[in-house]
Each structure stands twice: as C-alpha cells, then as structure tokens.
Amino acid sequence: MTTFDEVYEYFNDISQGIDSYYLPSYIDEQKRLISNGRRLFNNKLFTNVQQDNLTETFDKVLSENEIMLIAHCMRLYCLNQMYDDFIGTYSMFQKEVGFKDYKAQCDGRLSNIQIETKNIEDLVFSLLSNIDGEV
C-alpha cells in the first residue's frame, strides 16, 4: 500500500509558489489536503482509490505517475484556495490597491492555476494512454 508520506513528500517537492499559509501545518490538515487531492484524482481517472486515515495509506499500491497526479491535484487545490481568498479579500478594495496591480495579481494567480491544470491534463492523458496500451 502506498503511504500518505510518499504522496506528501512529492507534494512538498512541487509546492513552490504556494503561500505557506495555505500549506498544512498539522497532520489532520495534511490528511484533508490528501483527501481533496484523491477526490480530484478519482474524478479525473474515473476510479475509486480510497484512503485509510488511521494507517495513513491508500487502498492500493500507486504507481509513480499516480502519486504525481495526486500531488498535482493537491497543488491545484491549494492554488484555487489562494485565488479564491485573494478575490474575496481584495475585490472590494480594487480602487485602493489600484486596478492594474489587482488585475496583475489576479492574472498571475490564474496563470498558475491554468499551468497546473495543464500539468494534470497531461498526467491524466499519460495514465489513460498507458491503461489503454497506447502511447
């Protein structure tokens, strides 16, 4: 069985660009983030990988590509949180912050989300191609 540590270790390697506020500080928060990443993973691959929070394992041995995909799904979740919080906090202060700066900040955050979404799409394509026996 693949452990949460294996997935979270890879997530740590790719978590640059995420404000530390959005990175889990406690084990329960890490488990919640892993769960959110797993849900998106299951949705993208039409699968049903489960996790056991007591043993901190998944119900199967995940391939390296599957670990990468879950970690990238976790990163996308964090990037979306950052974007939503920024919009929610600063949209009412656009004039004070300056519209150009606000728009640049929004565009930068949205660009990170789009890049991560593309990374996930590429990983999904790769995994599904391997399942179908195509390349």
C-alpha atoms as a PDB file:
ATOM      1  CA  MET A   1       0.000   0.000   0.000  1.00  0.00           C
ATOM      2  CA  THR A   2       1.183   3.499  -0.765  1.00  0.00           C
ATOM      3  CA  THR A   3       1.563   5.741   2.272  1.00  0.00           C
ATOM      4  CA  PHE A   4       0.484   9.336   2.685  1.00  0.00           C
ATOM      5  CA  ASP A   5       4.145  10.217   3.303  1.00  0.00           C
ATOM      6  CA  GLU A   6       5.090   9.134  -0.225  1.00  0.00           C
ATOM      7  CA  VAL A   7       2.438  11.399  -1.761  1.00  0.00           C
ATOM      8  CA  TYR A   8       3.055  14.293   0.615  1.00  0.00           C
ATOM      9  CA  GLU A   9       6.801  14.145   0.030  1.00  0.00           C
ATOM     10  CA  TYR A  10       6.248  14.617  -3.695  1.00  0.00           C
ATOM     11  CA  PHE A  11       3.726  17.401  -2.987  1.00  0.00           C
ATOM     12  CA  ASN A  12       6.380  19.191  -0.907  1.00  0.00           C
ATOM     13  CA  ASP A  13       8.764  18.994  -3.856  1.00  0.00           C
ATOM     14  CA  ILE A  14       6.293  20.741  -6.169  1.00  0.00           C
ATOM     15  CA  SER A  15       4.672  23.173  -3.724  1.00  0.00           C
ATOM     16  CA  GLN A  16       6.731  26.200  -4.747  1.00  0.00           C
ATOM     17  CA  GLY A  17       4.528  29.200  -5.442  1.00  0.00           C
ATOM     18  CA  ILE A  18       2.083  28.303  -2.691  1.00  0.00           C
ATOM     19  CA  ASP A  19       1.961  30.724   0.238  1.00  0.00           C
ATOM     20  CA  SER A  20       2.897  28.971   3.471  1.00  0.00           C
ATOM     21  CA  TYR A  21      -0.494  29.990   4.911  1.00  0.00           C
ATOM     22  CA  TYR A  22      -2.135  27.502   2.533  1.00  0.00           C
ATOM     23  CA  LEU A  23       0.231  24.637   3.329  1.00  0.00           C
ATOM     24  CA  PRO A  24      -0.974  22.294   6.080  1.00  0.00           C
ATOM     25  CA  SER A  25       0.633  22.795   9.471  1.00  0.00           C
ATOM     26  CA  TYR A  26      -0.930  19.811  11.215  1.00  0.00           C
ATOM     27  CA  ILE A  27      -1.353  16.126  10.360  1.00  0.00           C
ATOM     28  CA  ASP A  28      -5.157  16.432  10.168  1.00  0.00           C
ATOM     29  CA  GLU A  29      -4.812  19.285   7.681  1.00  0.00           C
ATOM     30  CA  GLN A  30      -2.387  17.184   5.616  1.00  0.00           C
ATOM     31  CA  LYS A  31      -4.870  14.303   5.591  1.00  0.00           C
ATOM     32  CA  ARG A  32      -7.637  16.679   4.467  1.00  0.00           C
ATOM     33  CA  LEU A  33      -5.446  18.005   1.646  1.00  0.00           C
ATOM     34  CA  ILE A  34      -4.541  14.466   0.579  1.00  0.00           C
ATOM     35  CA  SER A  35      -8.241  13.583   0.635  1.00  0.00           C
ATOM     36  CA  ASN A  36      -9.080  16.559  -1.593  1.00  0.00           C
ATOM     37  CA  GLY A  37      -6.301  15.587  -3.996  1.00  0.00           C
ATOM     38  CA  ARG A  38      -7.516  11.970  -4.027  1.00  0.00           C
ATOM     39  CA  ARG A  39     -11.076  13.049  -4.830  1.00  0.00           C
ATOM     40  CA  LEU A  40      -9.922  15.065  -7.831  1.00  0.00           C
ATOM     41  CA  PHE A  41      -7.661  12.158  -8.856  1.00  0.00           C
ATOM     42  CA  ASN A  42     -10.629   9.762  -8.717  1.00  0.00           C
ATOM     43  CA  ASN A  43     -12.740  12.193 -10.713  1.00  0.00           C
ATOM     44  CA  LYS A  44     -10.123  12.624 -13.438  1.00  0.00           C
ATOM     45  CA  LEU A  45      -9.379   8.904 -13.833  1.00  0.00           C
ATOM     46  CA  PHE A  46     -12.909   7.582 -13.188  1.00  0.00           C
ATOM     47  CA  THR A  47     -11.515   5.400 -10.422  1.00  0.00           C
ATOM     48  CA  ASN A  48     -12.233   4.857  -6.743  1.00  0.00           C
ATOM     49  CA  VAL A  49      -8.976   4.909  -4.813  1.00  0.00           C
ATOM     50  CA  GLN A  50      -9.716   5.058  -1.082  1.00  0.00           C
ATOM     51  CA  GLN A  51      -7.618   6.154   1.850  1.00  0.00           C
ATOM     52  CA  ASP A  52      -7.350   4.992   5.430  1.00  0.00           C
ATOM     53  CA  ASN A  53      -6.608   7.919   7.732  1.00  0.00           C
ATOM     54  CA  LEU A  54      -5.746   5.625  10.661  1.00  0.00           C
ATOM     55  CA  THR A  55      -2.975   3.728   8.865  1.00  0.00           C
ATOM     56  CA  GLU A  56      -2.240   6.711   6.580  1.00  0.00           C
ATOM     57  CA  THR A  57      -2.294   4.534   3.484  1.00  0.00           C
ATOM     58  CA  PHE A  58      -4.243   4.198   0.261  1.00  0.00           C
ATOM     59  CA  ASP A  59      -6.100   1.000  -0.546  1.00  0.00           C
ATOM     60  CA  LYS A  60      -3.640   0.056  -3.297  1.00  0.00           C
ATOM     61  CA  VAL A  61      -0.071   0.495  -4.378  1.00  0.00           C
ATOM     62  CA  LEU A  62       0.015   3.629  -6.511  1.00  0.00           C
ATOM     63  CA  SER A  63       2.341   3.937  -9.477  1.00  0.00           C
ATOM     64  CA  GLU A  64       4.817   6.810  -9.625  1.00  0.00           C
ATOM     65  CA  ASN A  65       2.558   8.574 -12.142  1.00  0.00           C
ATOM     66  CA  GLU A  66      -0.471   8.149  -9.878  1.00  0.00           C
ATOM     67  CA  ILE A  67       1.475   9.608  -6.933  1.00  0.00           C
ATOM     68  CA  MET A  68       2.490  12.535  -9.134  1.00  0.00           C
ATOM     69  CA  LEU A  69      -1.113  13.092 -10.219  1.00  0.00           C
ATOM     70  CA  ILE A  70      -2.474  13.112  -6.660  1.00  0.00           C
ATOM     71  CA  ALA A  71       0.266  15.552  -5.606  1.00  0.00           C
ATOM     72  CA  HIS A  72      -0.517  17.850  -8.547  1.00  0.00           C
ATOM     73  CA  CYS A  73      -4.222  17.672  -7.667  1.00  0.00           C
ATOM     74  CA  MET A  74      -3.299  18.727  -4.127  1.00  0.00           C
ATOM     75  CA  ARG A  75      -1.284  21.639  -5.532  1.00  0.00           C
ATOM     76  CA  LEU A  76      -4.197  22.716  -7.732  1.00  0.00           C
ATOM     77  CA  TYR A  77      -6.478  22.655  -4.697  1.00  0.00           C
ATOM     78  CA  CYS A  78      -4.094  24.998  -2.831  1.00  0.00           C
ATOM     79  CA  LEU A  79      -3.728  27.335  -5.826  1.00  0.00           C
ATOM     80  CA  ASN A  80      -7.508  27.563  -6.160  1.00  0.00           C
ATOM     81  CA  GLN A  81      -7.798  28.407  -2.460  1.00  0.00           C
ATOM     82  CA  MET A  82      -5.197  31.149  -2.839  1.00  0.00           C
ATOM     83  CA  TYR A  83      -7.038  32.605  -5.834  1.00  0.00           C
ATOM     84  CA  ASP A  84     -10.467  32.458  -4.192  1.00  0.00           C
ATOM     85  CA  ASP A  85      -9.176  34.071  -1.000  1.00  0.00           C
ATOM     86  CA  PHE A  86      -7.413  36.824  -2.951  1.00  0.00           C
ATOM     87  CA  ILE A  87     -10.541  37.628  -4.957  1.00  0.00           C
ATOM     88  CA  GLY A  88     -12.724  37.528  -1.857  1.00  0.00           C
ATOM     89  CA  THR A  89     -10.403  39.761   0.140  1.00  0.00           C
ATOM     90  CA  TYR A  90      -9.203  42.319  -2.378  1.00  0.00           C
ATOM     91  CA  SER A  91     -12.025  42.655  -4.909  1.00  0.00           C
ATOM     92  CA  MET A  92     -13.770  45.264  -2.757  1.00  0.00           C
ATOM     93  CA  PHE A  93     -10.508  47.225  -2.381  1.00  0.00           C
ATOM     94  CA  GLN A  94      -9.604  47.396  -6.086  1.00  0.00           C
ATOM     95  CA  LYS A  95      -9.580  51.183  -6.156  1.00  0.00           C
ATOM     96  CA  GLU A  96      -7.377  51.461  -3.076  1.00  0.00           C
ATOM     97  CA  VAL A  97      -4.966  48.763  -4.272  1.00  0.00           C
ATOM     98  CA  GLY A  98      -5.004  50.029  -7.830  1.00  0.00           C
ATOM     99  CA  PHE A  99      -6.882  48.230 -10.566  1.00  0.00           C
ATOM    100  CA  LYS A 100      -3.780  47.434 -12.634  1.00  0.00           C
ATOM    101  CA  ASP A 101      -1.984  45.873  -9.683  1.00  0.00           C
ATOM    102  CA  TYR A 102      -5.117  43.972  -8.662  1.00  0.00           C
ATOM    103  CA  LYS A 103      -5.621  42.680 -12.214  1.00  0.00           C
ATOM    104  CA  ALA A 104      -1.955  41.689 -12.487  1.00  0.00           C
ATOM    105  CA  GLN A 105      -2.198  39.769  -9.209  1.00  0.00           C
ATOM    106  CA  CYS A 106      -5.394  38.020 -10.365  1.00  0.00           C
ATOM    107  CA  ASP A 107      -3.881  37.194 -13.749  1.00  0.00           C
ATOM    108  CA  GLY A 108      -0.729  35.789 -12.141  1.00  0.00           C
ATOM    109  CA  ARG A 109      -2.694  33.550  -9.816  1.00  0.00           C
ATOM    110  CA  LEU A 110      -5.000  32.444 -12.608  1.00  0.00           C
ATOM    111  CA  SER A 111      -1.991  31.660 -14.798  1.00  0.00           C
ATOM    112  CA  ASN A 112      -0.593  29.358 -12.086  1.00  0.00           C
ATOM    113  CA  ILE A 113      -3.949  27.560 -11.937  1.00  0.00           C
ATOM    114  CA  GLN A 114      -4.027  27.154 -15.721  1.00  0.00           C
ATOM    115  CA  ILE A 115      -0.472  25.793 -15.811  1.00  0.00           C
ATOM    116  CA  GLU A 116      -1.256  23.298 -13.038  1.00  0.00           C
ATOM    117  CA  THR A 117      -4.471  22.272 -14.778  1.00  0.00           C
ATOM    118  CA  LYS A 118      -2.456  21.601 -17.945  1.00  0.00           C
ATOM    119  CA  ASN A 119       0.066  19.538 -15.946  1.00  0.00           C
ATOM    120  CA  ILE A 120      -2.815  17.471 -14.552  1.00  0.00           C
ATOM    121  CA  GLU A 121      -4.364  17.014 -18.005  1.00  0.00           C
ATOM    122  CA  ASP A 122      -1.006  15.802 -19.348  1.00  0.00           C
ATOM    123  CA  LEU A 123      -0.605  13.321 -16.483  1.00  0.00           C
ATOM    124  CA  VAL A 124      -4.163  12.051 -16.942  1.00  0.00           C
ATOM    125  CA  PHE A 125      -3.566  11.589 -20.667  1.00  0.00           C
ATOM    126  CA  SER A 126      -0.362   9.704 -19.939  1.00  0.00           C
ATOM    127  CA  LEU A 127      -2.014   7.445 -17.366  1.00  0.00           C
ATOM    128  CA  LEU A 128      -5.053   6.729 -19.530  1.00  0.00           C
ATOM    129  CA  SER A 129      -2.839   6.058 -22.551  1.00  0.00           C
ATOM    130  CA  ASN A 130      -0.868   3.517 -20.523  1.00  0.00           C
ATOM    131  CA  ILE A 131      -4.086   1.842 -19.370  1.00  0.00           C
ATOM    132  CA  ASP A 132      -5.353   1.587 -22.942  1.00  0.00           C
ATOM    133  CA  GLY A 133      -1.981   0.280 -24.114  1.00  0.00           C
ATOM    134  CA  GLU A 134      -1.435   3.281 -26.360  1.00  0.00           C
ATOM    135  CA  VAL A 135       1.371   5.775 -26.337  1.00  0.00           C
END
